[in-house]
Amino acid sequence: MLLSLAQFRDLSYGEQAAYFTAHGTYLARRLTAGFDVHLYHLGSFFCEEWVCQTQNELRLLRPFNSNTKLLPYAELVHLPSL
């Protein structure tokens, strides 16, 4: 069973990381201020994985369901003329 955003947020950090690893579907990557930020889909919400570029360590999981937080990824999509 997939969790809702609220259920995911109620998990401990370790439980979030395990759930994220088991159920996340990779969508995109962007770079920002020393971090590789990877976007994943987890059923009814999205989650960003923030990885430190210098130490290659997971530093943050940021779950959300807001369309505005997807805008940085929309800028990465380039569709050829149809």
C-alpha atoms as a PDB file:
ATOM      1  CA  MET A   1       0.000   0.000   0.000  1.00  0.00           C
ATOM      2  CA  LEU A   2       1.328   3.438  -0.930  1.00  0.00           C
ATOM      3  CA  LEU A   3       1.366   6.106   1.741  1.00  0.00           C
ATOM      4  CA  SER A   4      -0.206   9.538   1.534  1.00  0.00           C
ATOM      5  CA  LEU A   5       1.933  12.651   1.912  1.00  0.00           C
ATOM      6  CA  ALA A   6       0.745  13.089   5.525  1.00  0.00           C
ATOM      7  CA  GLN A   7       1.542   9.462   6.369  1.00  0.00           C
ATOM      8  CA  PHE A   8       5.007   9.808   4.814  1.00  0.00           C
ATOM      9  CA  ARG A   9       5.704  12.963   6.830  1.00  0.00           C
ATOM     10  CA  ASP A  10       4.739  11.125  10.038  1.00  0.00           C
ATOM     11  CA  LEU A  11       7.523   8.556   9.488  1.00  0.00           C
ATOM     12  CA  SER A  12      10.946   8.920  11.079  1.00  0.00           C
ATOM     13  CA  TYR A  13      13.744  10.027   8.756  1.00  0.00           C
ATOM     14  CA  GLY A  14      15.057   6.452   8.544  1.00  0.00           C
ATOM     15  CA  GLU A  15      11.598   5.110   7.702  1.00  0.00           C
ATOM     16  CA  GLN A  16      11.149   7.839   5.072  1.00  0.00           C
ATOM     17  CA  ALA A  17      14.461   6.913   3.457  1.00  0.00           C
ATOM     18  CA  ALA A  18      13.546   3.209   3.375  1.00  0.00           C
ATOM     19  CA  TYR A  19      10.073   3.895   1.956  1.00  0.00           C
ATOM     20  CA  PHE A  20      11.483   6.349  -0.589  1.00  0.00           C
ATOM     21  CA  THR A  21      14.047   3.779  -1.759  1.00  0.00           C
ATOM     22  CA  ALA A  22      11.459   1.001  -2.065  1.00  0.00           C
ATOM     23  CA  HIS A  23       8.643   2.950  -3.744  1.00  0.00           C
ATOM     24  CA  GLY A  24      10.090   6.026  -5.475  1.00  0.00           C
ATOM     25  CA  THR A  25      10.036   6.329  -9.267  1.00  0.00           C
ATOM     26  CA  TYR A  26      12.856   8.522 -10.581  1.00  0.00           C
ATOM     27  CA  LEU A  27      11.717  11.409 -12.808  1.00  0.00           C
ATOM     28  CA  ALA A  28      14.369  14.116 -13.169  1.00  0.00           C
ATOM     29  CA  ARG A  29      17.560  15.747 -11.903  1.00  0.00           C
ATOM     30  CA  ARG A  30      18.593  19.348 -11.417  1.00  0.00           C
ATOM     31  CA  LEU A  31      21.645  21.034  -9.935  1.00  0.00           C
ATOM     32  CA  THR A  32      21.534  23.800  -7.348  1.00  0.00           C
ATOM     33  CA  ALA A  33      24.070  25.427  -4.995  1.00  0.00           C
ATOM     34  CA  GLY A  34      26.217  22.391  -4.220  1.00  0.00           C
ATOM     35  CA  PHE A  35      23.455  19.783  -4.434  1.00  0.00           C
ATOM     36  CA  ASP A  36      22.204  17.254  -6.957  1.00  0.00           C
ATOM     37  CA  VAL A  37      18.434  17.308  -6.543  1.00  0.00           C
ATOM     38  CA  HIS A  38      16.603  14.233  -7.825  1.00  0.00           C
ATOM     39  CA  LEU A  39      12.834  14.218  -8.256  1.00  0.00           C
ATOM     40  CA  TYR A  40      10.849  11.070  -7.531  1.00  0.00           C
ATOM     41  CA  HIS A  41       7.152  10.203  -7.726  1.00  0.00           C
ATOM     42  CA  LEU A  42       5.657   8.275  -4.802  1.00  0.00           C
ATOM     43  CA  GLY A  43       2.057   7.678  -5.827  1.00  0.00           C
ATOM     44  CA  SER A  44       0.058  10.699  -4.681  1.00  0.00           C
ATOM     45  CA  PHE A  45       3.017  13.035  -4.073  1.00  0.00           C
ATOM     46  CA  PHE A  46       6.550  13.874  -5.152  1.00  0.00           C
ATOM     47  CA  CYS A  47       9.784  13.829  -3.186  1.00  0.00           C
ATOM     48  CA  GLU A  48      13.101  15.527  -3.797  1.00  0.00           C
ATOM     49  CA  GLU A  49      16.311  13.816  -2.753  1.00  0.00           C
ATOM     50  CA  TRP A  50      19.024  16.409  -1.990  1.00  0.00           C
ATOM     51  CA  VAL A  51      22.526  14.922  -2.318  1.00  0.00           C
ATOM     52  CA  CYS A  52      25.612  16.942  -1.357  1.00  0.00           C
ATOM     53  CA  GLN A  53      27.900  17.165  -4.408  1.00  0.00           C
ATOM     54  CA  THR A  54      31.157  17.342  -2.439  1.00  0.00           C
ATOM     55  CA  GLN A  55      30.462  14.488  -0.019  1.00  0.00           C
ATOM     56  CA  ASN A  56      27.985  12.478  -2.135  1.00  0.00           C
ATOM     57  CA  GLU A  57      25.683  12.117   0.888  1.00  0.00           C
ATOM     58  CA  LEU A  58      21.925  12.256   1.148  1.00  0.00           C
ATOM     59  CA  ARG A  59      21.183  15.407   3.126  1.00  0.00           C
ATOM     60  CA  LEU A  60      17.434  15.942   2.747  1.00  0.00           C
ATOM     61  CA  LEU A  61      14.216  14.318   1.574  1.00  0.00           C
ATOM     62  CA  ARG A  62      11.640  16.982   0.720  1.00  0.00           C
ATOM     63  CA  PRO A  63       8.147  15.574   0.038  1.00  0.00           C
ATOM     64  CA  PHE A  64       5.468  17.765  -1.550  1.00  0.00           C
ATOM     65  CA  ASN A  65       2.325  17.749  -3.684  1.00  0.00           C
ATOM     66  CA  SER A  66       2.414  21.365  -4.869  1.00  0.00           C
ATOM     67  CA  ASN A  67       2.580  21.963  -8.616  1.00  0.00           C
ATOM     68  CA  THR A  68       4.607  25.142  -8.078  1.00  0.00           C
ATOM     69  CA  LYS A  69       7.465  23.085  -6.619  1.00  0.00           C
ATOM     70  CA  LEU A  70       7.617  21.212  -9.936  1.00  0.00           C
ATOM     71  CA  LEU A  71       8.387  24.395 -11.910  1.00  0.00           C
ATOM     72  CA  PRO A  72      12.196  24.072 -11.663  1.00  0.00           C
ATOM     73  CA  TYR A  73      11.868  20.718 -13.442  1.00  0.00           C
ATOM     74  CA  ALA A  74       9.546  22.053 -16.150  1.00  0.00           C
ATOM     75  CA  GLU A  75      12.334  24.408 -17.199  1.00  0.00           C
ATOM     76  CA  LEU A  76      14.492  21.351 -17.965  1.00  0.00           C
ATOM     77  CA  VAL A  77      12.002  19.901 -20.468  1.00  0.00           C
ATOM     78  CA  HIS A  78      12.570  20.802 -24.097  1.00  0.00           C
ATOM     79  CA  LEU A  79      10.057  19.560 -26.651  1.00  0.00           C
ATOM     80  CA  PRO A  80      10.898  19.701 -30.352  1.00  0.00           C
ATOM     81  CA  SER A  81       8.561  21.582 -32.657  1.00  0.00           C
ATOM     82  CA  LEU A  82       5.617  19.465 -33.698  1.00  0.00           C
END
